[in-house]
């Protein structure tokens, strides 16, 4: 388990128990009582969070024993028991809500990503996520995107240079923003992937003049506008499209021949999958 994941789990556990613990379980169940519970998935989905649940359970109690019949990314049917957890009842109940919260939301995301990916499987475009994630839950949500068959965009503000409309407005033009970026990278001696957002054909032509630009982002354009930009680009740079892309229009964007489709909706409009944990 990497450091970021360990910190997330520890912080989430502390949020639930503070310095007191699970006082309901402490009040009702003997500390030494053991038992088992099963995970029941109540709707069809692409399951995600199996590995996460294992990490959570063992962070709570290394002696908890988990056995899953499925792996992350598997298709699961409604009313399917996917695994069991055995050991201290106190530990199982302490871990219960965090395990379910993660698996439910991650499965909702992976199911949605997988559905969209299948819709555009005839085209070369890859589905990307965005930074429109739940605060302090980005690690899990981007993990779920990968499980569903999508590709992660930048994780944060630190790992990629993405010049967007506000940067361009503040500097005056696409060219000005890219010149400033080149000077900054040279002075700071950093080598980062550089993306730039454009809103029309003139800005696309400006961006194409800079060799160090890795990808050009077409933001809030209609499919017909995107098609024109693809033709003008002539495959000189990979193109990404974003802005208002949903299930009902994703195919129209994929048809244009763009390389990437980024969708904030993957993580900020999600219905969690109904999953329960029941003592048996």
C-alpha atoms as a PDB file:
ATOM      1  CA  UNK A   1       0.000   0.000   0.000  1.00  0.00           C
ATOM      2  CA  UNK A   2       1.461   3.357  -1.030  1.00  0.00           C
ATOM      3  CA  UNK A   3       1.766   6.287   1.346  1.00  0.00           C
ATOM      4  CA  UNK A   4      -1.093   8.341  -0.134  1.00  0.00           C
ATOM      5  CA  UNK A   5      -3.512   5.428   0.135  1.00  0.00           C
ATOM      6  CA  UNK A   6      -2.421   4.638   3.697  1.00  0.00           C
ATOM      7  CA  UNK A   7      -2.912   8.282   4.710  1.00  0.00           C
ATOM      8  CA  UNK A   8      -6.356   8.398   3.090  1.00  0.00           C
ATOM      9  CA  UNK A   9      -7.513   5.271   4.908  1.00  0.00           C
ATOM     10  CA  UNK A  10      -6.123   6.390   8.263  1.00  0.00           C
ATOM     11  CA  UNK A  11      -7.735   9.809   7.938  1.00  0.00           C
ATOM     12  CA  UNK A  12     -11.085   8.283   6.975  1.00  0.00           C
ATOM     13  CA  UNK A  13     -11.007   5.891   9.946  1.00  0.00           C
ATOM     14  CA  UNK A  14     -10.163   8.728  12.332  1.00  0.00           C
ATOM     15  CA  UNK A  15     -13.054  10.762  10.901  1.00  0.00           C
ATOM     16  CA  UNK A  16     -15.410   7.970  11.969  1.00  0.00           C
ATOM     17  CA  UNK A  17     -14.053   7.011  15.393  1.00  0.00           C
ATOM     18  CA  UNK A  18     -12.184  10.128  16.570  1.00  0.00           C
ATOM     19  CA  UNK A  19     -10.501   9.366  19.905  1.00  0.00           C
ATOM     20  CA  UNK A  20     -13.496   7.475  21.261  1.00  0.00           C
ATOM     21  CA  UNK A  21     -14.220   4.521  19.004  1.00  0.00           C
ATOM     22  CA  UNK A  22     -17.413   2.827  17.870  1.00  0.00           C
ATOM     23  CA  UNK A  23     -19.412   3.389  21.041  1.00  0.00           C
ATOM     24  CA  UNK A  24     -22.523   1.538  19.801  1.00  0.00           C
ATOM     25  CA  UNK A  25     -20.569  -1.660  19.183  1.00  0.00           C
ATOM     26  CA  UNK A  26     -18.648  -1.201  22.429  1.00  0.00           C
ATOM     27  CA  UNK A  27     -21.968  -0.886  24.251  1.00  0.00           C
ATOM     28  CA  UNK A  28     -23.707  -3.890  22.705  1.00  0.00           C
ATOM     29  CA  UNK A  29     -21.210  -6.580  21.672  1.00  0.00           C
ATOM     30  CA  UNK A  30     -18.506  -8.337  23.729  1.00  0.00           C
ATOM     31  CA  UNK A  31     -15.011  -7.370  22.588  1.00  0.00           C
ATOM     32  CA  UNK A  32     -13.921 -10.940  21.973  1.00  0.00           C
ATOM     33  CA  UNK A  33     -16.895 -11.938  19.810  1.00  0.00           C
ATOM     34  CA  UNK A  34     -16.024 -13.151  16.315  1.00  0.00           C
ATOM     35  CA  UNK A  35     -18.122 -13.848  13.257  1.00  0.00           C
ATOM     36  CA  UNK A  36     -18.446 -13.222   9.567  1.00  0.00           C
ATOM     37  CA  UNK A  37     -20.341 -11.043   7.124  1.00  0.00           C
ATOM     38  CA  UNK A  38     -20.893 -11.106   3.399  1.00  0.00           C
ATOM     39  CA  UNK A  39     -20.804  -8.383   0.770  1.00  0.00           C
ATOM     40  CA  UNK A  40     -24.033  -8.328  -1.275  1.00  0.00           C
ATOM     41  CA  UNK A  41     -24.226  -6.325  -4.506  1.00  0.00           C
ATOM     42  CA  UNK A  42     -27.838  -5.354  -5.177  1.00  0.00           C
ATOM     43  CA  UNK A  43     -27.581  -4.150  -8.794  1.00  0.00           C
ATOM     44  CA  UNK A  44     -25.687  -4.965 -11.973  1.00  0.00           C
ATOM     45  CA  UNK A  45     -22.341  -3.168 -12.122  1.00  0.00           C
ATOM     46  CA  UNK A  46     -18.650  -3.227 -12.902  1.00  0.00           C
ATOM     47  CA  UNK A  47     -17.272  -3.828  -9.430  1.00  0.00           C
ATOM     48  CA  UNK A  48     -14.517  -1.558  -8.133  1.00  0.00           C
ATOM     49  CA  UNK A  49     -12.972  -1.234  -4.704  1.00  0.00           C
ATOM     50  CA  UNK A  50     -12.157  -4.872  -3.947  1.00  0.00           C
ATOM     51  CA  UNK A  51      -8.475  -4.103  -3.466  1.00  0.00           C
ATOM     52  CA  UNK A  52      -9.361  -0.920  -1.580  1.00  0.00           C
ATOM     53  CA  UNK A  53     -11.596  -2.883   0.816  1.00  0.00           C
ATOM     54  CA  UNK A  54      -8.773  -5.312   1.536  1.00  0.00           C
ATOM     55  CA  UNK A  55      -6.480  -2.403   2.439  1.00  0.00           C
ATOM     56  CA  UNK A  56      -9.136  -0.817   4.657  1.00  0.00           C
ATOM     57  CA  UNK A  57      -9.918  -4.043   6.511  1.00  0.00           C
ATOM     58  CA  UNK A  58      -6.277  -4.783   7.241  1.00  0.00           C
ATOM     59  CA  UNK A  59      -5.644  -1.183   8.318  1.00  0.00           C
ATOM     60  CA  UNK A  60      -8.392  -1.663  10.899  1.00  0.00           C
ATOM     61  CA  UNK A  61      -7.333  -5.176  11.955  1.00  0.00           C
ATOM     62  CA  UNK A  62      -4.576  -7.246  10.358  1.00  0.00           C
ATOM     63  CA  UNK A  63      -6.317 -10.414  11.557  1.00  0.00           C
ATOM     64  CA  UNK A  64      -9.449  -9.868   9.490  1.00  0.00           C
ATOM     65  CA  UNK A  65      -9.785 -12.514   6.790  1.00  0.00           C
ATOM     66  CA  UNK A  66     -11.350 -11.508   3.460  1.00  0.00           C
ATOM     67  CA  UNK A  67     -12.287 -13.822   0.616  1.00  0.00           C
ATOM     68  CA  UNK A  68     -13.649 -12.306  -2.589  1.00  0.00           C
ATOM     69  CA  UNK A  69     -15.077 -14.238  -5.529  1.00  0.00           C
ATOM     70  CA  UNK A  70     -14.540 -11.297  -7.896  1.00  0.00           C
ATOM     71  CA  UNK A  71     -11.780  -8.898  -8.884  1.00  0.00           C
ATOM     72  CA  UNK A  72     -11.844  -5.195  -9.630  1.00  0.00           C
ATOM     73  CA  UNK A  73     -13.273  -4.697 -13.111  1.00  0.00           C
ATOM     74  CA  UNK A  74     -15.477  -7.811 -13.130  1.00  0.00           C
ATOM     75  CA  UNK A  75     -19.102  -7.660 -14.214  1.00  0.00           C
ATOM     76  CA  UNK A  76     -21.323  -8.377 -11.193  1.00  0.00           C
ATOM     77  CA  UNK A  77     -25.032  -9.171 -11.268  1.00  0.00           C
ATOM     78  CA  UNK A  78     -27.666  -7.887  -8.862  1.00  0.00           C
ATOM     79  CA  UNK A  79     -28.185  -9.868  -5.664  1.00  0.00           C
ATOM     80  CA  UNK A  80     -24.734 -11.444  -6.023  1.00  0.00           C
ATOM     81  CA  UNK A  81     -22.679 -12.238  -2.923  1.00  0.00           C
ATOM     82  CA  UNK A  82     -19.162 -11.254  -3.927  1.00  0.00           C
ATOM     83  CA  UNK A  83     -17.182 -12.044  -0.796  1.00  0.00           C
ATOM     84  CA  UNK A  84     -16.972 -12.566   2.940  1.00  0.00           C
ATOM     85  CA  UNK A  85     -15.080 -11.024   5.828  1.00  0.00           C
ATOM     86  CA  UNK A  86     -14.298 -12.985   8.999  1.00  0.00           C
ATOM     87  CA  UNK A  87     -12.885 -12.062  12.382  1.00  0.00           C
ATOM     88  CA  UNK A  88     -13.613  -9.683  15.247  1.00  0.00           C
ATOM     89  CA  UNK A  89     -17.154  -8.303  15.033  1.00  0.00           C
ATOM     90  CA  UNK A  90     -15.862  -5.051  16.524  1.00  0.00           C
ATOM     91  CA  UNK A  91     -13.334  -4.714  13.715  1.00  0.00           C
ATOM     92  CA  UNK A  92     -15.818  -5.673  10.996  1.00  0.00           C
ATOM     93  CA  UNK A  93     -18.329  -3.056  12.153  1.00  0.00           C
ATOM     94  CA  UNK A  94     -15.660  -0.395  12.533  1.00  0.00           C
ATOM     95  CA  UNK A  95     -14.522  -0.962   8.947  1.00  0.00           C
ATOM     96  CA  UNK A  96     -18.001  -1.518   7.493  1.00  0.00           C
ATOM     97  CA  UNK A  97     -19.045   1.977   6.438  1.00  0.00           C
ATOM     98  CA  UNK A  98     -15.677   3.026   5.030  1.00  0.00           C
ATOM     99  CA  UNK A  99     -15.423  -0.203   3.018  1.00  0.00           C
ATOM    100  CA  UNK A 100     -18.931   0.234   1.626  1.00  0.00           C
ATOM    101  CA  UNK A 101     -18.623   3.969   0.945  1.00  0.00           C
ATOM    102  CA  UNK A 102     -15.520   3.353  -1.159  1.00  0.00           C
ATOM    103  CA  UNK A 103     -16.788   0.297  -2.997  1.00  0.00           C
ATOM    104  CA  UNK A 104     -20.214   1.802  -3.708  1.00  0.00           C
ATOM    105  CA  UNK A 105     -18.915   5.051  -5.187  1.00  0.00           C
ATOM    106  CA  UNK A 106     -15.978   3.459  -6.990  1.00  0.00           C
ATOM    107  CA  UNK A 107     -18.309   0.878  -8.559  1.00  0.00           C
ATOM    108  CA  UNK A 108     -20.668   3.631  -9.702  1.00  0.00           C
ATOM    109  CA  UNK A 109     -17.786   5.375 -11.435  1.00  0.00           C
ATOM    110  CA  UNK A 110     -16.301   2.253 -13.018  1.00  0.00           C
ATOM    111  CA  UNK A 111     -19.716   1.173 -14.290  1.00  0.00           C
ATOM    112  CA  UNK A 112     -20.326   4.545 -15.912  1.00  0.00           C
ATOM    113  CA  UNK A 113     -16.872   4.694 -17.485  1.00  0.00           C
ATOM    114  CA  UNK A 114     -17.227   1.170 -18.842  1.00  0.00           C
ATOM    115  CA  UNK A 115     -20.618   1.957 -20.377  1.00  0.00           C
ATOM    116  CA  UNK A 116     -19.272   5.047 -22.149  1.00  0.00           C
ATOM    117  CA  UNK A 117     -16.147   3.228 -23.289  1.00  0.00           C
ATOM    118  CA  UNK A 118     -18.268   0.511 -24.879  1.00  0.00           C
ATOM    119  CA  UNK A 119     -20.382   3.120 -26.664  1.00  0.00           C
ATOM    120  CA  UNK A 120     -17.328   4.503 -28.499  1.00  0.00           C
ATOM    121  CA  UNK A 121     -15.363   1.273 -28.885  1.00  0.00           C
ATOM    122  CA  UNK A 122     -15.466   1.596 -32.705  1.00  0.00           C
ATOM    123  CA  UNK A 123     -13.473   4.834 -32.537  1.00  0.00           C
ATOM    124  CA  UNK A 124      -9.898   5.562 -31.399  1.00  0.00           C
ATOM    125  CA  UNK A 125     -10.765   8.126 -28.702  1.00  0.00           C
ATOM    126  CA  UNK A 126      -9.809   7.348 -25.104  1.00  0.00           C
ATOM    127  CA  UNK A 127     -11.948   8.495 -22.185  1.00  0.00           C
ATOM    128  CA  UNK A 128     -10.244  10.770 -19.654  1.00  0.00           C
ATOM    129  CA  UNK A 129     -11.322  11.910 -16.213  1.00  0.00           C
ATOM    130  CA  UNK A 130     -10.818  15.431 -14.799  1.00  0.00           C
ATOM    131  CA  UNK A 131     -10.079  17.170 -11.481  1.00  0.00           C
ATOM    132  CA  UNK A 132     -13.816  17.450 -10.801  1.00  0.00           C
ATOM    133  CA  UNK A 133     -13.554  14.973  -7.963  1.00  0.00           C
ATOM    134  CA  UNK A 134     -14.691  14.743  -4.353  1.00  0.00           C
ATOM    135  CA  UNK A 135     -12.201  16.523  -2.050  1.00  0.00           C
ATOM    136  CA  UNK A 136      -9.806  14.036  -0.437  1.00  0.00           C
ATOM    137  CA  UNK A 137     -11.298  11.169  -2.471  1.00  0.00           C
ATOM    138  CA  UNK A 138      -9.545  11.808  -5.790  1.00  0.00           C
ATOM    139  CA  UNK A 139      -7.206   8.857  -5.384  1.00  0.00           C
ATOM    140  CA  UNK A 140     -10.125   6.415  -5.180  1.00  0.00           C
ATOM    141  CA  UNK A 141     -12.183   8.064  -7.903  1.00  0.00           C
ATOM    142  CA  UNK A 142      -9.354   8.107 -10.415  1.00  0.00           C
ATOM    143  CA  UNK A 143      -8.552   4.509  -9.472  1.00  0.00           C
ATOM    144  CA  UNK A 144     -12.170   3.618 -10.302  1.00  0.00           C
ATOM    145  CA  UNK A 145     -11.877   5.337 -13.692  1.00  0.00           C
ATOM    146  CA  UNK A 146      -8.943   3.073 -14.562  1.00  0.00           C
ATOM    147  CA  UNK A 147     -10.841  -0.003 -13.388  1.00  0.00           C
ATOM    148  CA  UNK A 148     -13.711   0.950 -15.687  1.00  0.00           C
ATOM    149  CA  UNK A 149     -11.394   1.215 -18.680  1.00  0.00           C
ATOM    150  CA  UNK A 150     -10.761   4.947 -18.737  1.00  0.00           C
ATOM    151  CA  UNK A 151      -7.484   6.861 -18.609  1.00  0.00           C
ATOM    152  CA  UNK A 152      -6.408   9.287 -15.888  1.00  0.00           C
ATOM    153  CA  UNK A 153      -5.814  12.919 -16.797  1.00  0.00           C
ATOM    154  CA  UNK A 154      -3.499  14.942 -14.561  1.00  0.00           C
ATOM    155  CA  UNK A 155      -3.877  14.111 -10.880  1.00  0.00           C
ATOM    156  CA  UNK A 156      -3.478  17.679  -9.651  1.00  0.00           C
ATOM    157  CA  UNK A 157      -2.087  21.089 -10.413  1.00  0.00           C
ATOM    158  CA  UNK A 158       1.467  19.883  -9.887  1.00  0.00           C
ATOM    159  CA  UNK A 159       2.000  17.112 -12.437  1.00  0.00           C
ATOM    160  CA  UNK A 160       1.062  18.717 -15.755  1.00  0.00           C
ATOM    161  CA  UNK A 161       0.922  22.205 -17.274  1.00  0.00           C
ATOM    162  CA  UNK A 162      -2.606  22.758 -18.570  1.00  0.00           C
ATOM    163  CA  UNK A 163      -3.093  26.256 -19.936  1.00  0.00           C
ATOM    164  CA  UNK A 164      -6.799  27.064 -19.835  1.00  0.00           C
ATOM    165  CA  UNK A 165      -8.973  30.012 -20.813  1.00  0.00           C
ATOM    166  CA  UNK A 166      -8.317  32.005 -17.622  1.00  0.00           C
ATOM    167  CA  UNK A 167      -4.548  31.701 -18.084  1.00  0.00           C
ATOM    168  CA  UNK A 168      -4.941  32.851 -21.686  1.00  0.00           C
ATOM    169  CA  UNK A 169      -7.175  35.774 -20.745  1.00  0.00           C
ATOM    170  CA  UNK A 170      -4.720  36.859 -18.052  1.00  0.00           C
ATOM    171  CA  UNK A 171      -1.753  36.773 -20.449  1.00  0.00           C
ATOM    172  CA  UNK A 172      -3.557  38.145 -23.496  1.00  0.00           C
ATOM    173  CA  UNK A 173      -3.283  35.291 -25.996  1.00  0.00           C
ATOM    174  CA  UNK A 174      -2.422  31.633 -26.523  1.00  0.00           C
ATOM    175  CA  UNK A 175       0.974  32.648 -27.901  1.00  0.00           C
ATOM    176  CA  UNK A 176       1.750  34.850 -24.900  1.00  0.00           C
ATOM    177  CA  UNK A 177       0.812  32.078 -22.477  1.00  0.00           C
ATOM    178  CA  UNK A 178       2.971  29.531 -24.312  1.00  0.00           C
ATOM    179  CA  UNK A 179       5.966  31.874 -24.573  1.00  0.00           C
ATOM    180  CA  UNK A 180       5.733  32.517 -20.820  1.00  0.00           C
ATOM    181  CA  UNK A 181       5.448  28.774 -20.197  1.00  0.00           C
ATOM    182  CA  UNK A 182       8.550  28.020 -22.253  1.00  0.00           C
ATOM    183  CA  UNK A 183      10.543  30.665 -20.407  1.00  0.00           C
ATOM    184  CA  UNK A 184       9.337  29.397 -17.029  1.00  0.00           C
ATOM    185  CA  UNK A 185      10.221  25.766 -17.790  1.00  0.00           C
ATOM    186  CA  UNK A 186      13.664  26.750 -19.063  1.00  0.00           C
ATOM    187  CA  UNK A 187      14.378  28.922 -16.023  1.00  0.00           C
ATOM    188  CA  UNK A 188      13.057  26.360 -13.535  1.00  0.00           C
ATOM    189  CA  UNK A 189      14.689  23.478 -15.424  1.00  0.00           C
ATOM    190  CA  UNK A 190      11.510  21.406 -15.395  1.00  0.00           C
ATOM    191  CA  UNK A 191      10.187  19.047 -18.019  1.00  0.00           C
ATOM    192  CA  UNK A 192       6.419  18.675 -17.800  1.00  0.00           C
ATOM    193  CA  UNK A 193       3.741  17.686 -20.273  1.00  0.00           C
ATOM    194  CA  UNK A 194       2.145  20.859 -21.664  1.00  0.00           C
ATOM    195  CA  UNK A 195      -1.480  21.081 -22.796  1.00  0.00           C
ATOM    196  CA  UNK A 196      -3.204  24.204 -24.037  1.00  0.00           C
ATOM    197  CA  UNK A 197      -6.888  24.943 -24.429  1.00  0.00           C
ATOM    198  CA  UNK A 198      -8.147  26.675 -27.580  1.00  0.00           C
ATOM    199  CA  UNK A 199     -11.576  28.012 -28.457  1.00  0.00           C
ATOM    200  CA  UNK A 200     -11.317  28.676 -32.200  1.00  0.00           C
ATOM    201  CA  UNK A 201      -9.284  27.960 -35.327  1.00  0.00           C
ATOM    202  CA  UNK A 202      -6.965  30.946 -34.876  1.00  0.00           C
ATOM    203  CA  UNK A 203      -5.961  29.773 -31.403  1.00  0.00           C
ATOM    204  CA  UNK A 204      -5.410  26.259 -32.724  1.00  0.00           C
ATOM    205  CA  UNK A 205      -3.012  27.591 -35.363  1.00  0.00           C
ATOM    206  CA  UNK A 206      -1.166  29.567 -32.660  1.00  0.00           C
ATOM    207  CA  UNK A 207      -0.793  26.472 -30.489  1.00  0.00           C
ATOM    208  CA  UNK A 208       0.485  24.391 -33.409  1.00  0.00           C
ATOM    209  CA  UNK A 209       3.446  26.768 -33.771  1.00  0.00           C
ATOM    210  CA  UNK A 210       4.910  25.552 -30.448  1.00  0.00           C
ATOM    211  CA  UNK A 211       6.715  22.222 -30.698  1.00  0.00           C
ATOM    212  CA  UNK A 212       6.733  21.582 -26.939  1.00  0.00           C
ATOM    213  CA  UNK A 213       2.931  21.477 -26.738  1.00  0.00           C
ATOM    214  CA  UNK A 214       1.995  17.829 -26.201  1.00  0.00           C
ATOM    215  CA  UNK A 215      -1.754  18.034 -26.699  1.00  0.00           C
ATOM    216  CA  UNK A 216      -4.366  20.626 -27.626  1.00  0.00           C
ATOM    217  CA  UNK A 217      -7.659  20.826 -25.770  1.00  0.00           C
ATOM    218  CA  UNK A 218     -10.815  21.812 -27.678  1.00  0.00           C
ATOM    219  CA  UNK A 219     -13.192  23.137 -25.056  1.00  0.00           C
ATOM    220  CA  UNK A 220     -16.958  23.586 -25.269  1.00  0.00           C
ATOM    221  CA  UNK A 221     -17.241  23.025 -29.015  1.00  0.00           C
ATOM    222  CA  UNK A 222     -20.022  21.282 -30.903  1.00  0.00           C
ATOM    223  CA  UNK A 223     -19.201  18.036 -32.725  1.00  0.00           C
ATOM    224  CA  UNK A 224     -19.266  19.866 -36.071  1.00  0.00           C
ATOM    225  CA  UNK A 225     -16.840  22.497 -34.760  1.00  0.00           C
ATOM    226  CA  UNK A 226     -14.578  19.754 -33.437  1.00  0.00           C
ATOM    227  CA  UNK A 227     -14.625  18.014 -36.825  1.00  0.00           C
ATOM    228  CA  UNK A 228     -13.372  21.201 -38.480  1.00  0.00           C
ATOM    229  CA  UNK A 229     -10.566  21.525 -35.930  1.00  0.00           C
ATOM    230  CA  UNK A 230      -9.560  17.889 -36.504  1.00  0.00           C
ATOM    231  CA  UNK A 231      -9.324  18.583 -40.236  1.00  0.00           C
ATOM    232  CA  UNK A 232      -7.290  21.748 -39.679  1.00  0.00           C
ATOM    233  CA  UNK A 233      -4.945  19.978 -37.273  1.00  0.00           C
ATOM    234  CA  UNK A 234      -4.012  17.316 -39.863  1.00  0.00           C
ATOM    235  CA  UNK A 235      -2.801  15.001 -37.082  1.00  0.00           C
ATOM    236  CA  UNK A 236       0.001  17.370 -36.098  1.00  0.00           C
ATOM    237  CA  UNK A 237      -0.934  17.234 -32.413  1.00  0.00           C
ATOM    238  CA  UNK A 238      -3.149  14.892 -30.359  1.00  0.00           C
ATOM    239  CA  UNK A 239      -6.501  16.552 -29.749  1.00  0.00           C
ATOM    240  CA  UNK A 240      -8.649  16.368 -26.639  1.00  0.00           C
ATOM    241  CA  UNK A 241     -12.246  17.514 -26.452  1.00  0.00           C
ATOM    242  CA  UNK A 242     -14.110  18.490 -23.284  1.00  0.00           C
ATOM    243  CA  UNK A 243     -17.105  20.411 -22.043  1.00  0.00           C
ATOM    244  CA  UNK A 244     -20.682  19.177 -21.734  1.00  0.00           C
ATOM    245  CA  UNK A 245     -19.950  15.656 -22.951  1.00  0.00           C
ATOM    246  CA  UNK A 246     -22.429  13.049 -21.732  1.00  0.00           C
ATOM    247  CA  UNK A 247     -23.849   9.676 -22.651  1.00  0.00           C
ATOM    248  CA  UNK A 248     -26.297  11.209 -25.129  1.00  0.00           C
ATOM    249  CA  UNK A 249     -23.636  12.978 -27.210  1.00  0.00           C
ATOM    250  CA  UNK A 250     -20.350  11.136 -26.662  1.00  0.00           C
ATOM    251  CA  UNK A 251     -20.616   9.136 -29.894  1.00  0.00           C
ATOM    252  CA  UNK A 252     -21.018  12.324 -31.928  1.00  0.00           C
ATOM    253  CA  UNK A 253     -17.723  13.580 -30.500  1.00  0.00           C
ATOM    254  CA  UNK A 254     -15.927  10.250 -30.957  1.00  0.00           C
ATOM    255  CA  UNK A 255     -16.914  10.151 -34.640  1.00  0.00           C
ATOM    256  CA  UNK A 256     -14.887  13.321 -35.288  1.00  0.00           C
ATOM    257  CA  UNK A 257     -11.612  11.445 -34.820  1.00  0.00           C
ATOM    258  CA  UNK A 258     -10.351  13.187 -31.677  1.00  0.00           C
ATOM    259  CA  UNK A 259      -7.778  11.310 -29.614  1.00  0.00           C
ATOM    260  CA  UNK A 260      -9.170  11.976 -26.132  1.00  0.00           C
ATOM    261  CA  UNK A 261     -12.551  12.811 -24.606  1.00  0.00           C
ATOM    262  CA  UNK A 262     -12.414  14.228 -21.073  1.00  0.00           C
ATOM    263  CA  UNK A 263     -15.587  14.059 -19.016  1.00  0.00           C
ATOM    264  CA  UNK A 264     -16.032  15.712 -15.629  1.00  0.00           C
ATOM    265  CA  UNK A 265     -19.363  13.940 -15.368  1.00  0.00           C
ATOM    266  CA  UNK A 266     -17.502  10.680 -14.698  1.00  0.00           C
ATOM    267  CA  UNK A 267     -16.830  11.681 -11.120  1.00  0.00           C
ATOM    268  CA  UNK A 268     -19.079  14.609 -10.194  1.00  0.00           C
ATOM    269  CA  UNK A 269     -22.445  13.133 -11.288  1.00  0.00           C
ATOM    270  CA  UNK A 270     -22.385   9.593  -9.934  1.00  0.00           C
ATOM    271  CA  UNK A 271     -24.997   7.269  -8.451  1.00  0.00           C
ATOM    272  CA  UNK A 272     -23.311   4.869  -6.067  1.00  0.00           C
ATOM    273  CA  UNK A 273     -23.987   1.176  -6.522  1.00  0.00           C
ATOM    274  CA  UNK A 274     -26.114  -0.378  -3.776  1.00  0.00           C
ATOM    275  CA  UNK A 275     -23.890  -2.770  -1.814  1.00  0.00           C
ATOM    276  CA  UNK A 276     -24.482  -4.054   1.711  1.00  0.00           C
ATOM    277  CA  UNK A 277     -22.483  -5.898   4.357  1.00  0.00           C
ATOM    278  CA  UNK A 278     -24.528  -8.299   6.466  1.00  0.00           C
ATOM    279  CA  UNK A 279     -23.481 -10.308   9.499  1.00  0.00           C
ATOM    280  CA  UNK A 280     -24.320 -13.985   8.934  1.00  0.00           C
END
